[in-house]
C-alpha atoms as a PDB file:
ATOM      1  CA  MET A   1      -9.235  -7.832 -12.171  1.00  0.00           C
ATOM      2  CA  THR A   2      -8.937  -4.278 -10.870  1.00  0.00           C
ATOM      3  CA  THR A   3      -8.031  -1.700 -13.507  1.00  0.00           C
ATOM      4  CA  LEU A   4      -6.061   1.510 -13.254  1.00  0.00           C
ATOM      5  CA  ILE A   5      -7.971   4.766 -13.232  1.00  0.00           C
ATOM      6  CA  THR A   6      -8.743   6.578 -16.495  1.00  0.00           C
ATOM      7  CA  LEU A   7      -8.894  10.373 -16.298  1.00  0.00           C
ATOM      8  CA  SER A   8      -9.698  13.115 -18.790  1.00  0.00           C
ATOM      9  CA  LYS A   9      -7.477  13.716 -21.800  1.00  0.00           C
ATOM     10  CA  ASP A  10      -6.462  17.030 -20.230  1.00  0.00           C
ATOM     11  CA  TRP A  11      -5.157  15.412 -17.039  1.00  0.00           C
ATOM     12  CA  ASP A  12      -1.724  16.873 -16.317  1.00  0.00           C
ATOM     13  CA  GLY A  13      -0.953  15.140 -13.040  1.00  0.00           C
ATOM     14  CA  MET A  14       0.764  11.936 -11.990  1.00  0.00           C
ATOM     15  CA  PRO A  15       0.368   8.659 -13.937  1.00  0.00           C
ATOM     16  CA  PRO A  16      -2.395   6.125 -13.157  1.00  0.00           C
ATOM     17  CA  ALA A  17      -0.064   3.687 -11.340  1.00  0.00           C
ATOM     18  CA  PHE A  18       1.065   6.511  -9.028  1.00  0.00           C
ATOM     19  CA  ILE A  19      -2.580   7.347  -8.314  1.00  0.00           C
ATOM     20  CA  GLU A  20      -3.372   3.695  -7.511  1.00  0.00           C
ATOM     21  CA  GLY A  21      -0.650   3.638  -4.876  1.00  0.00           C
ATOM     22  CA  ALA A  22      -1.553   7.067  -3.523  1.00  0.00           C
ATOM     23  CA  LEU A  23      -5.215   6.142  -3.070  1.00  0.00           C
ATOM     24  CA  LEU A  24      -4.314   2.896  -1.331  1.00  0.00           C
ATOM     25  CA  ALA A  25      -2.148   4.855   1.104  1.00  0.00           C
ATOM     26  CA  ALA A  26      -5.094   7.172   1.753  1.00  0.00           C
ATOM     27  CA  ASN A  27      -7.312   4.127   2.322  1.00  0.00           C
ATOM     28  CA  ALA A  28      -4.744   2.773   4.789  1.00  0.00           C
ATOM     29  CA  ASN A  29      -5.538   5.596   7.204  1.00  0.00           C
ATOM     30  CA  PRO A  30      -6.684   4.665  10.722  1.00  0.00           C
ATOM     31  CA  ALA A  31      -8.270   8.113  11.179  1.00  0.00           C
ATOM     32  CA  ALA A  32     -10.736  10.132   9.124  1.00  0.00           C
ATOM     33  CA  MET A  33      -9.122  12.646   6.784  1.00  0.00           C
ATOM     34  CA  GLU A  34     -10.512  15.081   4.241  1.00  0.00           C
ATOM     35  CA  PRO A  35      -9.448  14.118   0.685  1.00  0.00           C
ATOM     36  CA  ASP A  36      -8.352  17.702   0.041  1.00  0.00           C
ATOM     37  CA  THR A  37      -5.455  17.004   2.418  1.00  0.00           C
ATOM     38  CA  TRP A  38      -3.819  14.570   0.000  1.00  0.00           C
ATOM     39  CA  LEU A  39      -5.496  15.200  -3.374  1.00  0.00           C
ATOM     40  CA  PRO A  40      -2.892  17.825  -4.441  1.00  0.00           C
ATOM     41  CA  VAL A  41      -0.208  15.124  -4.279  1.00  0.00           C
ATOM     42  CA  LEU A  42      -1.846  13.508  -7.301  1.00  0.00           C
ATOM     43  CA  MET A  43      -0.925  16.599  -9.287  1.00  0.00           C
ATOM     44  CA  HIS A  44       2.520  17.503  -7.982  1.00  0.00           C
ATOM     45  CA  GLY A  45       3.744  14.102  -6.746  1.00  0.00           C
ATOM     46  CA  GLY A  46       4.880  15.516  -3.422  1.00  0.00           C
ATOM     47  CA  LEU A  47       7.038  18.240  -4.961  1.00  0.00           C
ATOM     48  CA  THR A  48       5.666  21.702  -4.256  1.00  0.00           C
ATOM     49  CA  GLU A  49       8.286  23.932  -5.866  1.00  0.00           C
ATOM     50  CA  GLU A  50       5.690  25.149  -8.342  1.00  0.00           C
ATOM     51  CA  GLU A  51       1.991  25.738  -7.852  1.00  0.00           C
ATOM     52  CA  PRO A  52       0.274  22.704  -9.430  1.00  0.00           C
ATOM     53  CA  ALA A  53      -2.767  22.984 -11.634  1.00  0.00           C
ATOM     54  CA  GLU A  54      -6.073  22.353  -9.918  1.00  0.00           C
ATOM     55  CA  ILE A  55      -7.943  19.084 -10.361  1.00  0.00           C
ATOM     56  CA  THR A  56     -11.059  19.556 -12.480  1.00  0.00           C
ATOM     57  CA  THR A  57     -14.462  18.683 -11.069  1.00  0.00           C
ATOM     58  CA  ALA A  58     -14.772  15.693 -13.415  1.00  0.00           C
ATOM     59  CA  ASP A  59     -11.347  14.276 -12.563  1.00  0.00           C
ATOM     60  CA  ARG A  60     -11.914  14.854  -8.850  1.00  0.00           C
ATOM     61  CA  ALA A  61     -15.166  12.895  -9.033  1.00  0.00           C
ATOM     62  CA  ALA A  62     -13.440  10.050 -10.903  1.00  0.00           C
ATOM     63  CA  ILE A  63     -10.583   9.931  -8.379  1.00  0.00           C
ATOM     64  CA  LEU A  64     -12.877   9.883  -5.353  1.00  0.00           C
ATOM     65  CA  ALA A  65     -15.039   7.196  -6.970  1.00  0.00           C
ATOM     66  CA  HIS A  66     -11.938   5.062  -7.569  1.00  0.00           C
ATOM     67  CA  PHE A  67     -10.829   5.711  -3.993  1.00  0.00           C
ATOM     68  CA  GLU A  68     -14.186   4.522  -2.644  1.00  0.00           C
ATOM     69  CA  ASN A  69     -14.225   1.527  -4.978  1.00  0.00           C
ATOM     70  CA  GLN A  70     -10.781   0.437  -3.746  1.00  0.00           C
ATOM     71  CA  TYR A  71     -12.057   0.486  -0.178  1.00  0.00           C
ATOM     72  CA  LEU A  72     -15.256  -1.412  -0.953  1.00  0.00           C
ATOM     73  CA  MET A  73     -13.409  -4.082  -2.946  1.00  0.00           C
ATOM     74  CA  ILE A  74     -10.853  -4.595  -0.173  1.00  0.00           C
ATOM     75  CA  LYS A  75     -13.652  -4.875   2.412  1.00  0.00           C
ATOM     76  CA  ALA A  76     -15.371  -7.457   0.209  1.00  0.00           C
ATOM     77  CA  GLY A  77     -12.150  -9.403  -0.326  1.00  0.00           C
ATOM     78  CA  GLU A  78     -12.299  -8.702  -4.063  1.00  0.00           C
ATOM     79  CA  TYR A  79      -9.467  -6.216  -4.590  1.00  0.00           C
ATOM     80  CA  GLU A  80      -6.614  -7.312  -6.841  1.00  0.00           C
ATOM     81  CA  LEU A  81      -3.691  -5.230  -7.960  1.00  0.00           C
ATOM     82  CA  PRO A  82      -4.044  -4.249 -11.620  1.00  0.00           C
ATOM     83  CA  ALA A  83      -2.105  -6.711 -13.774  1.00  0.00           C
ATOM     84  CA  VAL A  84       0.594  -4.168 -14.648  1.00  0.00           C
ATOM     85  CA  LEU A  85       1.413  -3.844 -10.930  1.00  0.00           C
ATOM     86  CA  GLN A  86       1.617  -7.537 -10.128  1.00  0.00           C
ATOM     87  CA  TRP A  87       5.058  -9.075  -9.651  1.00  0.00           C
ATOM     88  CA  GLN A  88       6.200 -11.345 -12.467  1.00  0.00           C
ATOM     89  CA  GLU A  89       9.572 -13.018 -12.155  1.00  0.00           C
ATOM     90  CA  ALA A  90      10.120 -12.968 -15.906  1.00  0.00           C
ATOM     91  CA  VAL A  91       9.467  -9.224 -16.112  1.00  0.00           C
ATOM     92  CA  GLY A  92      11.059  -7.973 -12.903  1.00  0.00           C
ATOM     93  CA  LEU A  93      10.378  -4.540 -11.452  1.00  0.00           C
ATOM     94  CA  SER A  94       8.417  -2.474 -13.952  1.00  0.00           C
ATOM     95  CA  GLU A  95       8.186   1.283 -14.334  1.00  0.00           C
ATOM     96  CA  ALA A  96       4.532   1.070 -13.286  1.00  0.00           C
ATOM     97  CA  MET A  97       5.479  -0.714 -10.044  1.00  0.00           C
ATOM     98  CA  GLY A  98       7.935   2.075  -9.311  1.00  0.00           C
ATOM     99  CA  HIS A  99       5.238   4.687  -9.911  1.00  0.00           C
ATOM    100  CA  PHE A 100       2.855   2.777  -7.643  1.00  0.00           C
ATOM    101  CA  ALA A 101       5.382   2.720  -4.796  1.00  0.00           C
ATOM    102  CA  GLU A 102       6.168   6.394  -5.339  1.00  0.00           C
ATOM    103  CA  GLY A 103       2.472   7.249  -5.073  1.00  0.00           C
ATOM    104  CA  PHE A 104       1.995   5.234  -1.895  1.00  0.00           C
ATOM    105  CA  LEU A 105       5.021   6.796  -0.218  1.00  0.00           C
ATOM    106  CA  ALA A 106       4.073  10.316  -1.378  1.00  0.00           C
ATOM    107  CA  VAL A 107       0.759  10.158   0.484  1.00  0.00           C
ATOM    108  CA  TRP A 108       2.075   8.162   3.428  1.00  0.00           C
ATOM    109  CA  PRO A 109       3.436  11.208   5.364  1.00  0.00           C
ATOM    110  CA  TYR A 110      -0.158  12.453   5.671  1.00  0.00           C
ATOM    111  CA  VAL A 111      -1.214   9.102   7.146  1.00  0.00           C
ATOM    112  CA  GLU A 112       1.789   8.016   9.198  1.00  0.00           C
ATOM    113  CA  GLY A 113       1.092  10.181  12.258  1.00  0.00           C
ATOM    114  CA  ASN A 114      -2.335   8.612  12.705  1.00  0.00           C
ATOM    115  CA  TRP A 115      -0.779   5.143  12.985  1.00  0.00           C
ATOM    116  CA  SER A 116       1.591   6.299  15.730  1.00  0.00           C
ATOM    117  CA  GLU A 117      -1.415   7.292  17.849  1.00  0.00           C
ATOM    118  CA  LYS A 118      -3.078   3.859  17.638  1.00  0.00           C
ATOM    119  CA  PRO A 119      -2.413   0.639  19.593  1.00  0.00           C
ATOM    120  CA  LEU A 120      -1.161  -1.956  17.116  1.00  0.00           C
ATOM    121  CA  SER A 121      -0.916  -5.714  17.395  1.00  0.00           C
ATOM    122  CA  ASP A 122       2.516  -7.186  16.686  1.00  0.00           C
ATOM    123  CA  GLY A 123       1.190  -8.726  13.480  1.00  0.00           C
ATOM    124  CA  THR A 124      -0.209  -5.443  12.174  1.00  0.00           C
ATOM    125  CA  ALA A 125       2.986  -3.576  13.081  1.00  0.00           C
ATOM    126  CA  ARG A 126       5.102  -6.133  11.212  1.00  0.00           C
ATOM    127  CA  MET A 127       2.821  -6.097   8.177  1.00  0.00           C
ATOM    128  CA  LEU A 128       2.856  -2.313   8.078  1.00  0.00           C
ATOM    129  CA  SER A 129       6.647  -2.282   8.268  1.00  0.00           C
ATOM    130  CA  ALA A 130       6.856  -4.913   5.530  1.00  0.00           C
ATOM    131  CA  LEU A 131       4.543  -2.896   3.257  1.00  0.00           C
ATOM    132  CA  LEU A 132       6.615   0.262   3.616  1.00  0.00           C
ATOM    133  CA  THR A 133       9.850  -1.654   3.089  1.00  0.00           C
ATOM    134  CA  THR A 134       8.418  -3.277  -0.025  1.00  0.00           C
ATOM    135  CA  CYS A 135       7.439   0.109  -1.476  1.00  0.00           C
ATOM    136  CA  MET A 136      10.935   1.453  -0.773  1.00  0.00           C
ATOM    137  CA  LEU A 137      12.447  -1.574  -2.523  1.00  0.00           C
ATOM    138  CA  MET A 138      10.137  -1.091  -5.498  1.00  0.00           C
ATOM    139  CA  MET A 139      11.300   2.506  -5.861  1.00  0.00           C
ATOM    140  CA  ASP A 140      15.027   1.788  -5.539  1.00  0.00           C
ATOM    141  CA  GLU A 141      15.922  -1.792  -4.714  1.00  0.00           C
ATOM    142  CA  ALA A 142      19.709  -1.434  -4.758  1.00  0.00           C
ATOM    143  CA  ASP A 143      19.826   1.663  -2.562  1.00  0.00           C
ATOM    144  CA  THR A 144      17.262   0.310  -0.093  1.00  0.00           C
ATOM    145  CA  LEU A 145      19.125  -2.994   0.277  1.00  0.00           C
ATOM    146  CA  ALA A 146      22.361  -1.075   0.844  1.00  0.00           C
ATOM    147  CA  GLN A 147      20.742   1.065   3.540  1.00  0.00           C
ATOM    148  CA  MET A 148      19.314  -2.001   5.256  1.00  0.00           C
ATOM    149  CA  ALA A 149      22.687  -3.731   5.193  1.00  0.00           C
ATOM    150  CA  ASP A 150      24.311  -0.647   6.723  1.00  0.00           C
ATOM    151  CA  ALA A 151      21.642  -0.692   9.437  1.00  0.00           C
ATOM    152  CA  GLY A 152      22.401  -4.334  10.216  1.00  0.00           C
ATOM    153  CA  VAL A 153      19.026  -5.674   9.056  1.00  0.00           C
ATOM    154  CA  GLU A 154      19.222  -9.460   8.685  1.00  0.00           C
ATOM    155  CA  SER A 155      16.903 -12.413   8.043  1.00  0.00           C
ATOM    156  CA  MET A 156      14.796 -10.482   5.578  1.00  0.00           C
ATOM    157  CA  PRO A 157      12.989 -12.377   2.798  1.00  0.00           C
ATOM    158  CA  GLU A 158      14.193 -11.872  -0.754  1.00  0.00           C
ATOM    159  CA  PRO A 159      12.719  -8.737  -2.369  1.00  0.00           C
ATOM    160  CA  GLN A 160      10.906 -10.921  -4.897  1.00  0.00           C
ATOM    161  CA  THR A 161       9.053 -12.645  -2.048  1.00  0.00           C
ATOM    162  CA  LEU A 162       7.942  -9.283  -0.699  1.00  0.00           C
ATOM    163  CA  TYR A 163       6.819  -8.066  -4.134  1.00  0.00           C
ATOM    164  CA  ALA A 164       4.703 -11.198  -4.560  1.00  0.00           C
ATOM    165  CA  SER A 165       3.136 -10.622  -1.112  1.00  0.00           C
ATOM    166  CA  LEU A 166       2.217  -6.988  -1.825  1.00  0.00           C
ATOM    167  CA  PRO A 167      -1.531  -7.650  -2.378  1.00  0.00           C
ATOM    168  CA  LEU A 168      -1.741  -9.467   0.957  1.00  0.00           C
ATOM    169  CA  MET A 169       0.079  -6.653   2.765  1.00  0.00           C
ATOM    170  CA  ILE A 170      -2.259  -4.049   1.280  1.00  0.00           C
ATOM    171  CA  THR A 171      -5.367  -5.961   2.337  1.00  0.00           C
ATOM    172  CA  GLU A 172      -4.061  -6.535   5.864  1.00  0.00           C
ATOM    173  CA  VAL A 173      -3.018  -2.916   6.410  1.00  0.00           C
ATOM    174  CA  VAL A 174      -6.165  -1.345   4.941  1.00  0.00           C
ATOM    175  CA  MET A 175      -8.392  -3.707   6.939  1.00  0.00           C
ATOM    176  CA  ALA A 176      -6.445  -2.960  10.119  1.00  0.00           C
ATOM    177  CA  ALA A 177      -6.731   0.779   9.451  1.00  0.00           C
ATOM    178  CA  ASP A 178     -10.472   0.437   8.933  1.00  0.00           C
ATOM    179  CA  GLU A 179     -10.894  -1.483  12.185  1.00  0.00           C
ATOM    180  CA  LEU A 180      -8.867   1.111  14.091  1.00  0.00           C
ATOM    181  CA  GLN A 181     -10.844   3.962  12.527  1.00  0.00           C
ATOM    182  CA  GLN A 182     -14.131   2.299  13.448  1.00  0.00           C
ATOM    183  CA  GLY A 183     -12.823   1.684  16.956  1.00  0.00           C
ATOM    184  CA  GLY A 184     -14.012  -1.879  16.992  1.00  0.00           C
ATOM    185  CA  SER A 185     -12.256  -5.043  18.027  1.00  0.00           C
ATOM    186  CA  ALA A 186     -14.331  -7.477  15.993  1.00  0.00           C
ATOM    187  CA  ALA A 187     -12.538  -9.980  13.803  1.00  0.00           C
ATOM    188  CA  GLN A 188     -11.873  -8.808  10.275  1.00  0.00           C
ATOM    189  CA  SER A 189     -14.466  -9.866   7.716  1.00  0.00           C
ATOM    190  CA  VAL A 190     -11.695 -10.657   5.236  1.00  0.00           C
ATOM    191  CA  ASN A 191      -9.015 -13.259   5.821  1.00  0.00           C
ATOM    192  CA  PRO A 192      -5.846 -11.503   4.597  1.00  0.00           C
ATOM    193  CA  TYR A 193      -3.819 -14.714   4.948  1.00  0.00           C
ATOM    194  CA  LYS A 194      -5.916 -16.748   2.532  1.00  0.00           C
ATOM    195  CA  GLY A 195      -3.584 -18.926   0.469  1.00  0.00           C
ATOM    196  CA  VAL A 196      -0.647 -18.694   2.897  1.00  0.00           C
ATOM    197  CA  GLY A 197       0.528 -22.137   4.038  1.00  0.00           C
ATOM    198  CA  ARG A 198       1.447 -22.638   7.685  1.00  0.00           C
ATOM    199  CA  ASN A 199       4.985 -23.620   6.695  1.00  0.00           C
ATOM    200  CA  ASP A 200       5.399 -20.738   4.232  1.00  0.00           C
ATOM    201  CA  LEU A 201       7.501 -17.706   5.121  1.00  0.00           C
ATOM    202  CA  CYS A 202       5.299 -15.149   6.861  1.00  0.00           C
ATOM    203  CA  PRO A 203       4.344 -12.394   4.393  1.00  0.00           C
ATOM    204  CA  CYS A 204       5.012  -9.729   7.044  1.00  0.00           C
ATOM    205  CA  GLY A 205       8.737 -10.059   6.301  1.00  0.00           C
ATOM    206  CA  SER A 206       9.877 -11.359   9.703  1.00  0.00           C
ATOM    207  CA  GLY A 207      11.770 -14.266   8.135  1.00  0.00           C
ATOM    208  CA  LYS A 208       9.846 -16.771  10.307  1.00  0.00           C
ATOM    209  CA  LYS A 209       7.415 -19.412   9.156  1.00  0.00           C
ATOM    210  CA  PHE A 210       3.794 -18.249   9.085  1.00  0.00           C
ATOM    211  CA  LYS A 211       2.787 -20.681  11.857  1.00  0.00           C
ATOM    212  CA  GLN A 212       5.480 -19.212  14.118  1.00  0.00           C
ATOM    213  CA  CYS A 213       4.590 -15.577  13.365  1.00  0.00           C
ATOM    214  CA  CYS A 214       1.341 -13.934  12.232  1.00  0.00           C
ATOM    215  CA  GLY A 215      -0.334 -17.356  11.894  1.00  0.00           C
ATOM    216  CA  LYS A 216       0.297 -18.305  15.514  1.00  0.00           C
ATOM    217  CA  HIS A 217      -3.170 -17.290  16.607  1.00  0.00           C
ATOM    218  CA  GLN A 218      -5.016 -17.890  13.374  1.00  0.00           C
END
């Protein structure tokens, strides 16, 4: 089981769950980017009204090691969300899940433009959209559902279904980003749909059965 990062006792930045989400967003980048572009977000959370404290050398090394370990575990098909971030029906949305989504969305603006410059398959585009929607729901479910209703969005899976599919979405999007960054067209070494039945709802959030959506060409 993957664990959340542990930083120095003097760490004065965002909480570990926020950092987990932020680093996954940085790993979901289809173009190379210097860590110094997004590292400050881990201190100020995306709010720059005040000058944040600098990250110490020790904490920076720990963060970048965790960042690299996330990537390697996803590539090996071994990454799992830390237990505190996994959806449990009996618990519902936790504060840690909200922090995770906040971290992912705080770093996403630095990554988003690189996706718009890449050719995406329909499946990757849907999975990416589903991942962002899921993070928005995790931050504020009621408001996000209201906005979607106002926009006329229909046939969307229940939020709980999306929360449960979050690990699959992360794997798919990070693997797609890696393939785009490498510029290759080889099949992914990890099967992101492992465990999804052909008659299950597609985890991309289309509302269709898997065999009629992302599983059509699997």
